[in-house]
Every structure is written in structure tokens, then in C-alpha cells.
Amino acid sequence: MIISASRRTDIPARYPEWFINRLREGEVLVQNPYNRKKIQRITLSPDVVDSIVFWSKNPEPMRPYLREIDEMGYRYYFQMTITDYGPDLEPEAPDISDAMATFLLMSAQLGKERMDWRFDPILLTEKYTKDYHLEKFEMMCEWLHRATTRCIVSFVDAYRNSPFQELEQEEIEELAEGLGKIAGKYQLPLYSCAEKLDLKRFGIRHGACIDGEKIRKIAGYKLDARKDPGQRKECRCIESIDIGSYDTCINGCAYCYAVHSPASARKKYEQHDPASPLLVGRLRGDETITEKEIHSLRDNQLSLFD
């Protein structure tokens, strides 16, 4: 099984000690997002975990634990988001120079195949214009193109209560054309994340963030995996189990779909105990815990080409 850590919150930045404790214990408890009393116990043995996919704006706090994770036998890679926004939109994210320094250090440590750069979501305002994005993207490409094998882009979605409007098709295509030319200049493969539009003519291919082919290379074996049925129609990720919780990230990003309010996230963050099997709080005794059936996605079927 693939463990996603996490689309719902920034585990490497905010909960690294908790995460390594969960690996040491070999299991984690995950609450149902809609009913705190329903909990699943998920085994985290490296025998059944084919890969861990980390999502983060700042994986630096996780770096001290990477050697131990390696020694335990886990396979993993990082999706690290580095955007061009300031503290008006990302008040708790590291600045661009610090984020790029972390990316370069981790790429040198882990290998560029295990460090994906995310430049998303792209949104437009009076400050963050098309030209602004393209200028900053080129600067980042110059620094990062040798430290990764791909860059993943997406355009902001207008989810409920979002303060940002979705881009018009013309705006997306203008940005895609500029991004594609810049990435091509640096020979950096560019992929889109869950986008409806086909941007291949601009050098941007449909991508999968939890990528079966990438994981096959990292794990060293074929996977018998299907598209994740819990994601959007346009998403091409393979199935995974997310061990994070909504409303727990205190990065404060203005466009985040996973946080109802900064105050709510801060309140839950203050209830966090790194020794607890739950990300937030501890068991109260009124929960129903079920065992999630976990198995490796290793495909042991032989073919003429093996």
C-alpha cells in the first residue's frame, strides 16, 4: 500500500516527531474526517508499505529522521511545494531562498528522483500577475532543474468559501505557454496536477503525483495498482491511504482547501501529542476502532518480459 503523508496537512513541517514515532510503533490511528468516533488502525510495516509519499512546503524538520527511516527499510519520496508567493498568502512558509536551499540539500541526500518540485497552485491577482509568475518560475528553474526529474503545476480551484476565482481558459493557456517554454529551456519535464485542459501542446503533460511508475522505480518491483477512486476525476494518482487530518496545518496558506480556518487549525495543533497514535489528541474511550486491511501492491505475476 502507498501511504500519503499527507494531502490533508503538512506532516514533515509540523508533525515529524509524531510521524517517526508511528513508524517505530508500526501503526497509526486515523480518524474519519466526518466522525471522530470512527477510527481505523493502519499497519505501517515496511513489508506492506510499498512507498510513502510526503507532501510539504518545508520538509527541513523531517531531515534528521531520514536516516532512521532508511534503516527501517521504508521507500519514499517528497512532493515539495515551492511557490513565488509572499507572507500575504503563505505567512508561515519558508521564503523562497530557504525553501530552495532545503530542496537542494535533500536532493543531494536522497537523489533527484525522490524530490519532486510543485509550483502550485497558480492564481492571479493584481500583485501575482502572469509576468510575475513567469519571472519567478524561471529563476527557480535555474536553481532547481538539476535537482529534480519533474515539476508539477496546477491552477487554483474555486472550492467552497475560496477567496480566489478559477482562471479563465485563455489565462491558463497563456501561462502554460510561458511555463512550458521556460521548462523546455532547462530541459525540466513539466506535468499538470488534476487539470481538465490538455496542455500537451505547451509541453505540459498530464501527471500523477502518487505515480505508479515512479514508485515502481523506487520500490524496485512492479505494482498491481488502480487509480485512486477517492480523488477527483481528473486526478491520475494511484490508490493510497492518507494518514493526515483536515484542519491541522498551521502554515496559514490563504488558498488551502484542507483548513477551515487558521484558528481552528491552531486549536487542533495545540492538542497534538507526538506520543499519541492519533495526529490530534488522544483516545477518549468512546471510539470504534476497526482494522484496515493492508497489503503490499507488489505484482508477483511473471511475464515474458521479466
Protein backbone atom coordinates (compact mmCIF):
# COMPACT_ATOMS: atom_id res chain seq x y z
CA MET A 1 0.00 0.00 0.00
CA ILE A 2 1.02 3.59 -0.57
CA ILE A 3 0.95 5.92 2.44
CA SER A 4 0.19 9.56 1.72
CA ALA A 5 1.65 11.89 4.34
CA SER A 6 -0.33 13.95 3.62
CA ARG A 7 -2.68 15.80 1.31
CA ARG A 8 -4.57 16.95 4.40
CA THR A 9 -1.76 18.55 6.41
CA ASP A 10 1.96 19.24 6.33
CA ILE A 11 3.33 16.30 8.34
CA PRO A 12 7.04 16.86 7.55
CA ALA A 13 6.89 20.51 8.61
CA ARG A 14 4.58 20.30 11.62
CA TYR A 15 4.45 16.70 12.84
CA PRO A 16 7.78 14.98 12.10
CA GLU A 17 8.32 13.60 15.63
CA TRP A 18 4.82 12.11 15.65
CA PHE A 19 5.41 10.51 12.28
CA ILE A 20 8.69 8.82 13.23
CA ASN A 21 7.03 7.57 16.43
CA ARG A 22 4.30 5.99 14.32
CA LEU A 23 6.89 4.18 12.21
CA ARG A 24 8.67 2.98 15.35
CA GLU A 25 5.37 1.66 16.71
CA GLY A 26 4.44 0.15 13.35
CA GLU A 27 0.92 1.53 13.25
CA VAL A 28 -1.17 4.68 13.18
CA LEU A 29 -4.77 5.53 14.07
CA VAL A 30 -6.65 7.70 11.58
CA GLN A 31 -9.96 9.34 12.41
CA ASN A 32 -12.79 9.52 9.91
CA PRO A 33 -12.85 13.18 8.73
CA TYR A 34 -16.62 13.33 9.35
CA ASN A 35 -16.93 11.31 12.57
CA ARG A 36 -14.18 11.39 15.20
CA LYS A 37 -15.55 8.23 16.86
CA LYS A 38 -14.81 6.11 13.80
CA ILE A 39 -11.14 5.23 13.67
CA GLN A 40 -9.04 2.94 11.51
CA ARG A 41 -5.89 1.24 12.70
CA ILE A 42 -3.37 1.12 9.85
CA THR A 43 -0.30 -1.09 9.87
CA LEU A 44 2.88 0.68 8.84
CA SER A 45 5.23 -2.27 8.41
CA PRO A 46 7.76 -1.81 5.58
CA ASP A 47 6.68 -5.27 4.42
CA VAL A 48 3.29 -3.90 3.32
CA VAL A 49 4.11 -0.21 2.75
CA ASP A 50 5.36 -0.01 -0.85
CA SER A 51 6.15 3.69 -0.58
CA ILE A 52 5.48 6.77 1.49
CA VAL A 53 4.68 9.98 -0.38
CA PHE A 54 5.45 13.09 1.64
CA TRP A 55 3.77 16.42 0.78
CA SER A 56 5.32 19.53 2.28
CA LYS A 57 6.22 23.18 1.95
CA ASN A 58 9.04 22.73 4.43
CA PRO A 59 10.45 19.21 4.87
CA GLU A 60 13.50 20.51 6.77
CA PRO A 61 12.17 19.33 10.19
CA MET A 62 11.94 15.79 8.78
CA ARG A 63 15.57 15.69 7.63
CA PRO A 64 17.01 14.49 10.97
CA TYR A 65 14.82 11.36 10.77
CA LEU A 66 15.53 10.32 7.18
CA ARG A 67 18.46 8.07 8.01
CA GLU A 68 16.36 6.18 10.53
CA ILE A 69 13.53 5.83 8.02
CA ASP A 70 16.02 4.43 5.53
CA GLU A 71 17.40 1.99 8.09
CA MET A 72 13.88 0.75 8.84
CA GLY A 73 13.56 -0.21 5.18
CA TYR A 74 10.90 2.24 4.03
CA ARG A 75 10.82 3.60 0.49
CA TYR A 76 9.64 7.17 -0.01
CA TYR A 77 9.81 10.39 -1.95
CA PHE A 78 8.86 14.03 -1.42
CA GLN A 79 6.46 16.36 -3.17
CA MET A 80 7.84 19.73 -2.08
CA THR A 81 5.90 22.88 -2.91
CA ILE A 82 7.94 25.98 -3.64
CA THR A 83 5.88 28.87 -4.95
CA ASP A 84 6.53 32.55 -5.57
CA TYR A 85 4.07 33.92 -3.02
CA GLY A 86 4.88 36.17 -0.10
CA PRO A 87 3.63 36.17 3.52
CA ASP A 88 0.37 37.76 2.39
CA LEU A 89 -0.66 34.34 1.02
CA GLU A 90 1.78 31.98 2.76
CA PRO A 91 2.50 33.55 6.18
CA GLU A 92 4.24 30.54 7.74
CA ALA A 93 6.02 29.08 4.71
CA PRO A 94 9.80 29.50 4.41
CA ASP A 95 10.94 32.19 2.00
CA ILE A 96 11.96 31.15 -1.50
CA SER A 97 15.70 31.11 -0.87
CA ASP A 98 15.41 28.95 2.25
CA ALA A 99 12.97 26.58 0.56
CA MET A 100 15.25 26.14 -2.46
CA ALA A 101 18.24 25.53 -0.18
CA THR A 102 16.33 22.76 1.59
CA PHE A 103 15.31 21.26 -1.74
CA LEU A 104 18.89 21.21 -3.00
CA LEU A 105 20.19 19.65 0.23
CA MET A 106 17.55 16.94 0.21
CA SER A 107 18.09 16.20 -3.47
CA ALA A 108 21.81 15.74 -2.79
CA GLN A 109 20.96 13.44 0.12
CA LEU A 110 18.16 11.38 -1.42
CA GLY A 111 18.72 11.68 -5.16
CA LYS A 112 16.80 13.86 -7.57
CA GLU A 113 14.36 11.04 -8.41
CA ARG A 114 12.95 11.32 -4.88
CA MET A 115 12.42 15.08 -4.89
CA ASP A 116 9.51 16.42 -6.96
CA TRP A 117 9.03 20.18 -7.16
CA ARG A 118 5.48 21.51 -7.06
CA PHE A 119 4.79 25.01 -8.36
CA ASP A 120 1.14 25.19 -7.37
CA PRO A 121 -1.50 26.38 -7.12
CA ILE A 122 -1.08 29.21 -9.59
CA LEU A 123 -3.50 32.08 -9.02
CA LEU A 124 -3.75 35.58 -10.42
CA THR A 125 -4.14 38.86 -8.53
CA GLU A 126 -3.06 42.44 -9.10
CA LYS A 127 0.25 41.54 -7.43
CA TYR A 128 0.71 37.99 -8.71
CA THR A 129 0.37 38.56 -12.43
CA LYS A 130 1.25 36.31 -15.34
CA ASP A 131 4.56 38.09 -15.87
CA TYR A 132 5.37 37.88 -12.17
CA HIS A 133 4.84 34.10 -12.14
CA LEU A 134 6.91 33.54 -15.26
CA GLU A 135 9.79 35.64 -13.98
CA LYS A 136 9.92 33.82 -10.64
CA PHE A 137 9.41 30.42 -12.25
CA GLU A 138 12.43 30.95 -14.48
CA MET A 139 14.55 31.95 -11.51
CA MET A 140 13.52 28.79 -9.66
CA CYS A 141 14.09 26.60 -12.70
CA GLU A 142 17.62 27.92 -12.97
CA TRP A 143 18.33 26.80 -9.40
CA LEU A 144 16.33 23.58 -9.22
CA HIS A 145 16.33 21.94 -12.65
CA ARG A 146 19.34 19.74 -11.92
CA ALA A 147 17.97 18.67 -8.54
CA THR A 148 14.72 17.06 -9.70
CA THR A 149 13.24 14.99 -12.50
CA ARG A 150 9.95 16.87 -12.75
CA CYS A 151 7.96 19.95 -11.87
CA ILE A 152 4.23 19.71 -11.22
CA VAL A 153 1.93 22.69 -11.79
CA SER A 154 -1.76 23.32 -11.19
CA PHE A 155 -4.13 26.24 -11.31
CA VAL A 156 -6.23 27.33 -8.36
CA ASP A 157 -9.63 25.69 -7.87
CA ALA A 158 -12.61 27.64 -6.58
CA TYR A 159 -13.66 25.32 -3.75
CA ARG A 160 -16.33 26.39 -1.26
CA ASN A 161 -15.52 29.69 0.50
CA SER A 162 -12.36 30.13 -1.56
CA PRO A 163 -11.33 33.80 -1.85
CA PHE A 164 -9.85 33.15 -5.29
CA GLN A 165 -11.51 32.70 -8.64
CA GLU A 166 -10.59 29.99 -11.10
CA LEU A 167 -8.60 31.17 -14.09
CA GLU A 168 -10.21 31.50 -17.48
CA GLN A 169 -9.07 29.04 -20.13
CA GLU A 170 -7.28 31.81 -22.01
CA GLU A 171 -5.34 32.76 -18.87
CA ILE A 172 -4.37 29.14 -18.22
CA GLU A 173 -3.18 28.68 -21.79
CA GLU A 174 -1.13 31.89 -21.72
CA LEU A 175 0.55 30.81 -18.50
CA ALA A 176 1.03 27.25 -19.77
CA GLU A 177 2.73 28.51 -22.90
CA GLY A 178 5.18 30.60 -20.86
CA LEU A 179 5.82 27.89 -18.27
CA GLY A 180 6.36 25.29 -20.97
CA LYS A 181 8.92 27.41 -22.82
CA ILE A 182 10.87 28.09 -19.64
CA ALA A 183 10.85 24.46 -18.51
CA GLY A 184 11.90 23.40 -22.01
CA LYS A 185 14.84 25.79 -21.87
CA TYR A 186 16.09 23.97 -18.76
CA GLN A 187 15.06 20.51 -20.02
CA LEU A 188 12.84 20.10 -16.99
CA PRO A 189 9.82 17.81 -17.55
CA LEU A 190 6.61 19.64 -16.69
CA TYR A 191 3.38 17.94 -15.57
CA SER A 192 -0.06 19.15 -14.59
CA CYS A 193 -1.96 18.01 -11.50
CA ALA A 194 -5.63 17.07 -11.95
CA GLU A 195 -6.19 19.59 -14.74
CA LYS A 196 -9.11 19.23 -17.14
CA LEU A 197 -7.38 21.02 -20.01
CA ASP A 198 -4.94 19.18 -22.25
CA LEU A 199 -1.80 21.34 -22.19
CA LYS A 200 0.46 18.94 -24.07
CA ARG A 201 0.95 21.41 -26.93
CA PHE A 202 2.68 23.69 -24.41
CA GLY A 203 4.99 20.93 -23.20
CA ILE A 204 2.91 20.12 -20.10
CA ARG A 205 1.80 16.52 -19.77
CA HIS A 206 -0.97 15.17 -17.55
CA GLY A 207 0.75 13.87 -14.43
CA ALA A 208 0.20 11.75 -11.34
CA CYS A 209 1.58 12.96 -8.02
CA ILE A 210 1.30 9.49 -6.48
CA ASP A 211 2.81 7.95 -9.57
CA GLY A 212 2.79 4.18 -10.01
CA GLU A 213 5.72 4.19 -12.43
CA LYS A 214 7.81 6.39 -10.15
CA ILE A 215 7.06 4.17 -7.16
CA ARG A 216 7.93 1.08 -9.19
CA LYS A 217 11.39 2.50 -9.79
CA ILE A 218 11.85 3.48 -6.15
CA ALA A 219 10.49 0.19 -4.76
CA GLY A 220 12.25 -1.97 -7.34
CA TYR A 221 9.21 -4.03 -8.32
CA LYS A 222 6.01 -3.81 -10.33
CA LEU A 223 2.79 -2.68 -8.70
CA ASP A 224 -0.71 -4.04 -9.11
CA ALA A 225 -2.43 -0.71 -8.51
CA ARG A 226 -5.53 1.09 -9.73
CA LYS A 227 -6.48 4.73 -10.00
CA ASP A 228 -7.41 6.18 -6.63
CA PRO A 229 -11.24 6.16 -6.54
CA GLY A 230 -11.29 8.74 -3.74
CA GLN A 231 -9.73 11.51 -5.82
CA ARG A 232 -11.16 13.82 -8.46
CA LYS A 233 -11.98 12.51 -11.91
CA GLU A 234 -9.02 14.33 -13.46
CA CYS A 235 -6.55 13.01 -10.86
CA ARG A 236 -4.28 10.23 -12.15
CA CYS A 237 -2.81 9.17 -8.82
CA ILE A 238 -2.89 5.51 -7.84
CA GLU A 239 -4.68 4.40 -4.69
CA SER A 240 -3.20 5.36 -1.34
CA ILE A 241 -4.09 5.78 2.32
CA ASP A 242 -3.82 9.28 3.75
CA ILE A 243 -2.81 9.37 7.42
CA GLY A 244 -3.28 13.11 7.93
CA SER A 245 -6.24 15.10 9.28
CA TYR A 246 -8.00 18.16 7.94
CA ASP A 247 -7.85 21.43 9.85
CA THR A 248 -4.47 20.67 11.42
CA CYS A 249 -1.99 22.56 9.22
CA ILE A 250 -0.83 25.89 10.66
CA ASN A 251 1.09 27.04 7.58
CA GLY A 252 -1.73 29.54 7.06
CA CYS A 253 -1.84 29.45 3.25
CA ALA A 254 -4.75 31.59 2.07
CA TYR A 255 -5.72 29.22 -0.76
CA CYS A 256 -5.68 25.97 1.27
CA TYR A 257 -8.66 23.65 0.83
CA ALA A 258 -7.73 21.48 3.85
CA VAL A 259 -8.15 24.13 6.58
CA HIS A 260 -11.48 25.63 7.58
CA SER A 261 -9.86 28.49 9.47
CA PRO A 262 -6.43 29.32 10.91
CA ALA A 263 -7.95 29.49 14.39
CA SER A 264 -9.43 26.03 14.09
CA ALA A 265 -6.13 24.61 12.85
CA ARG A 266 -4.21 26.27 15.68
CA LYS A 267 -6.63 24.88 18.27
CA LYS A 268 -6.15 21.34 16.98
CA TYR A 269 -2.40 21.80 16.69
CA GLU A 270 -2.28 22.71 20.38
CA GLN A 271 -3.97 19.37 21.20
CA HIS A 272 -1.24 17.43 19.38
CA ASP A 273 0.81 14.89 21.34
CA PRO A 274 3.77 13.37 19.47
CA ALA A 275 3.41 10.18 21.52
CA SER A 276 -0.27 9.66 20.64
CA PRO A 277 -1.30 7.21 17.91
CA LEU A 278 -3.72 9.92 16.72
CA LEU A 279 -2.49 13.06 15.00
CA VAL A 280 -4.72 15.23 17.21
CA GLY A 281 -5.44 14.46 20.84
CA ARG A 282 -5.77 11.06 22.46
CA LEU A 283 -8.40 8.34 22.53
CA ARG A 284 -11.37 9.20 24.73
CA GLY A 285 -12.72 5.68 25.10
CA ASP A 286 -15.93 6.13 23.11
CA GLU A 287 -14.39 5.39 19.70
CA THR A 288 -14.89 2.36 17.48
CA ILE A 289 -11.57 1.16 16.09
CA THR A 290 -11.50 -1.10 13.05
CA GLU A 291 -8.51 -2.76 11.44
CA LYS A 292 -7.82 -1.53 7.92
CA GLU A 293 -6.87 -4.42 5.68
CA ILE A 294 -3.42 -3.58 4.37
CA HIS A 295 -1.36 -5.44 1.80
CA SER A 296 1.53 -4.73 -0.49
CA LEU A 297 0.73 -3.77 -4.08
CA ARG A 298 3.66 -5.85 -5.30
CA ASP A 299 2.75 -7.59 -8.56
CA ASN A 300 4.26 -11.08 -8.41
CA GLN A 301 2.84 -12.16 -11.75
CA LEU A 302 5.55 -13.14 -14.20
CA SER A 303 5.53 -12.03 -17.81
CA LEU A 304 7.56 -12.86 -20.89
CA PHE A 305 9.48 -9.63 -20.36
CA ASP A 306 10.61 -10.25 -16.75
